[in-house]
Amino acid sequence: MTDREAATSTAAATTTAAPTTTVPPEKYNLEQIRGIGPVLHRKLNGLGVVSFRQIASWTEDDVDRVSSQLGAFRGRISRDRWVEKAAELLRAQSSS
């Protein structure tokens, strides 16, 4: 691998929006989370974020990384408590 290929590979790895171990087979209606409307829903899907489980498992570093990619919506994740709401929605699904 050349230095240029290594730099490109490293840059691509560091710009990943959210950690993903596996992508869930189904997409959730992320708009059930306060603060996520159609525009943010599309942005999140474009970043590979499709499930409540992904959002519920975010660390502070994940929140910062994703938030930095939301442009004018930066800070909304913490302000609207997406991580906590996603966890609540997961618990509700589990008990159904």
C-alpha atoms as a PDB file:
ATOM      1  CA  MET A   1       0.000   0.000   0.000  1.00  0.00           C
ATOM      2  CA  THR A   2       1.394   3.383  -0.944  1.00  0.00           C
ATOM      3  CA  ASP A   3       1.462   6.310   1.469  1.00  0.00           C
ATOM      4  CA  ARG A   4      -1.307   7.957  -0.534  1.00  0.00           C
ATOM      5  CA  GLU A   5      -3.514   4.849  -0.343  1.00  0.00           C
ATOM      6  CA  ALA A   6      -2.873   4.595   3.399  1.00  0.00           C
ATOM      7  CA  ALA A   7      -3.788   8.260   3.911  1.00  0.00           C
ATOM      8  CA  THR A   8      -6.972   7.859   1.879  1.00  0.00           C
ATOM      9  CA  SER A   9      -7.915   4.714   3.801  1.00  0.00           C
ATOM     10  CA  THR A  10      -7.256   6.417   7.150  1.00  0.00           C
ATOM     11  CA  ALA A  11      -9.250   9.509   6.141  1.00  0.00           C
ATOM     12  CA  ALA A  12     -12.199   7.369   5.067  1.00  0.00           C
ATOM     13  CA  ALA A  13     -12.131   5.434   8.323  1.00  0.00           C
ATOM     14  CA  THR A  14     -12.116   8.571  10.474  1.00  0.00           C
ATOM     15  CA  THR A  15     -15.082  10.165   8.696  1.00  0.00           C
ATOM     16  CA  THR A  16     -17.469   7.320   9.448  1.00  0.00           C
ATOM     17  CA  ALA A  17     -20.565   8.789  11.068  1.00  0.00           C
ATOM     18  CA  ALA A  18     -21.505   6.104  13.529  1.00  0.00           C
ATOM     19  CA  PRO A  19     -20.068   2.809  14.615  1.00  0.00           C
ATOM     20  CA  THR A  20     -21.866  -0.095  13.079  1.00  0.00           C
ATOM     21  CA  THR A  21     -21.313  -3.706  13.900  1.00  0.00           C
ATOM     22  CA  THR A  22     -24.165  -4.855  11.710  1.00  0.00           C
ATOM     23  CA  VAL A  23     -26.811  -2.963   9.810  1.00  0.00           C
ATOM     24  CA  PRO A  24     -30.283  -4.003  10.928  1.00  0.00           C
ATOM     25  CA  PRO A  25     -32.402  -5.599   8.212  1.00  0.00           C
ATOM     26  CA  GLU A  26     -35.263  -3.177   8.804  1.00  0.00           C
ATOM     27  CA  LYS A  27     -35.350   0.577   8.978  1.00  0.00           C
ATOM     28  CA  TYR A  28     -37.076   2.256  11.884  1.00  0.00           C
ATOM     29  CA  ASN A  29     -39.133   5.414  11.698  1.00  0.00           C
ATOM     30  CA  LEU A  30     -36.530   7.595  13.361  1.00  0.00           C
ATOM     31  CA  GLU A  31     -39.019  10.472  13.258  1.00  0.00           C
ATOM     32  CA  GLN A  32     -40.534   9.003  16.433  1.00  0.00           C
ATOM     33  CA  ILE A  33     -37.582  10.631  18.183  1.00  0.00           C
ATOM     34  CA  ARG A  34     -38.229  14.269  19.084  1.00  0.00           C
ATOM     35  CA  GLY A  35     -36.201  16.570  16.855  1.00  0.00           C
ATOM     36  CA  ILE A  36     -35.888  14.173  13.921  1.00  0.00           C
ATOM     37  CA  GLY A  37     -38.019  15.233  10.984  1.00  0.00           C
ATOM     38  CA  PRO A  38     -37.907  14.157   7.348  1.00  0.00           C
ATOM     39  CA  VAL A  39     -34.710  16.085   6.539  1.00  0.00           C
ATOM     40  CA  LEU A  40     -32.733  14.718   9.491  1.00  0.00           C
ATOM     41  CA  HIS A  41     -34.173  11.256   8.895  1.00  0.00           C
ATOM     42  CA  ARG A  42     -32.720  11.293   5.365  1.00  0.00           C
ATOM     43  CA  LYS A  43     -29.398  12.697   6.602  1.00  0.00           C
ATOM     44  CA  LEU A  44     -29.114   9.997   9.258  1.00  0.00           C
ATOM     45  CA  ASN A  45     -29.997   7.241   6.800  1.00  0.00           C
ATOM     46  CA  GLY A  46     -27.338   8.648   4.476  1.00  0.00           C
ATOM     47  CA  LEU A  47     -24.835   8.302   7.324  1.00  0.00           C
ATOM     48  CA  GLY A  48     -25.874   4.675   7.844  1.00  0.00           C
ATOM     49  CA  VAL A  49     -28.012   5.349  10.918  1.00  0.00           C
ATOM     50  CA  VAL A  50     -31.254   3.407  10.501  1.00  0.00           C
ATOM     51  CA  SER A  51     -32.213   2.004  13.905  1.00  0.00           C
ATOM     52  CA  PHE A  52     -33.080   3.000  17.438  1.00  0.00           C
ATOM     53  CA  ARG A  53     -30.520   0.442  18.640  1.00  0.00           C
ATOM     54  CA  GLN A  54     -27.711   2.293  16.855  1.00  0.00           C
ATOM     55  CA  ILE A  55     -28.676   5.638  18.377  1.00  0.00           C
ATOM     56  CA  ALA A  56     -29.288   4.156  21.841  1.00  0.00           C
ATOM     57  CA  SER A  57     -25.758   2.733  21.868  1.00  0.00           C
ATOM     58  CA  TRP A  58     -23.982   5.996  20.978  1.00  0.00           C
ATOM     59  CA  THR A  59     -21.230   7.218  23.273  1.00  0.00           C
ATOM     60  CA  GLU A  60     -20.447  10.918  23.742  1.00  0.00           C
ATOM     61  CA  ASP A  61     -17.779  10.581  21.049  1.00  0.00           C
ATOM     62  CA  ASP A  62     -20.359   9.103  18.651  1.00  0.00           C
ATOM     63  CA  VAL A  63     -22.775  11.925  19.428  1.00  0.00           C
ATOM     64  CA  ASP A  64     -20.048  14.496  18.731  1.00  0.00           C
ATOM     65  CA  ARG A  65     -19.014  12.790  15.496  1.00  0.00           C
ATOM     66  CA  VAL A  66     -22.560  12.483  14.116  1.00  0.00           C
ATOM     67  CA  SER A  67     -23.541  15.943  15.336  1.00  0.00           C
ATOM     68  CA  SER A  68     -20.599  17.468  13.486  1.00  0.00           C
ATOM     69  CA  GLN A  69     -22.004  16.023  10.253  1.00  0.00           C
ATOM     70  CA  LEU A  70     -25.507  17.454  10.696  1.00  0.00           C
ATOM     71  CA  GLY A  71     -24.681  21.000   9.588  1.00  0.00           C
ATOM     72  CA  ALA A  72     -27.351  23.429  10.800  1.00  0.00           C
ATOM     73  CA  PHE A  73     -28.768  20.704  13.066  1.00  0.00           C
ATOM     74  CA  ARG A  74     -25.544  20.378  15.063  1.00  0.00           C
ATOM     75  CA  GLY A  75     -26.243  19.975  18.783  1.00  0.00           C
ATOM     76  CA  ARG A  76     -29.741  18.637  18.266  1.00  0.00           C
ATOM     77  CA  ILE A  77     -28.792  15.096  19.378  1.00  0.00           C
ATOM     78  CA  SER A  78     -27.948  16.204  22.920  1.00  0.00           C
ATOM     79  CA  ARG A  79     -30.531  18.970  23.162  1.00  0.00           C
ATOM     80  CA  ASP A  80     -33.414  16.678  22.181  1.00  0.00           C
ATOM     81  CA  ARG A  81     -31.988  13.660  24.059  1.00  0.00           C
ATOM     82  CA  TRP A  82     -32.020  11.275  21.086  1.00  0.00           C
ATOM     83  CA  VAL A  83     -29.958   8.597  22.836  1.00  0.00           C
ATOM     84  CA  GLU A  84     -32.339   8.401  25.784  1.00  0.00           C
ATOM     85  CA  LYS A  85     -35.449   8.499  23.576  1.00  0.00           C
ATOM     86  CA  ALA A  86     -34.077   5.763  21.306  1.00  0.00           C
ATOM     87  CA  ALA A  87     -33.460   3.582  24.380  1.00  0.00           C
ATOM     88  CA  GLU A  88     -37.047   4.195  25.552  1.00  0.00           C
ATOM     89  CA  LEU A  89     -38.409   3.231  22.143  1.00  0.00           C
ATOM     90  CA  LEU A  90     -36.326   0.042  22.163  1.00  0.00           C
ATOM     91  CA  ARG A  91     -37.636  -0.898  25.602  1.00  0.00           C
ATOM     92  CA  ALA A  92     -41.215  -0.279  24.439  1.00  0.00           C
ATOM     93  CA  GLN A  93     -40.666  -2.505  21.410  1.00  0.00           C
ATOM     94  CA  SER A  94     -39.224  -5.254  23.587  1.00  0.00           C
ATOM     95  CA  SER A  95     -42.187  -5.252  25.939  1.00  0.00           C
ATOM     96  CA  SER A  96     -44.706  -5.404  23.081  1.00  0.00           C
END
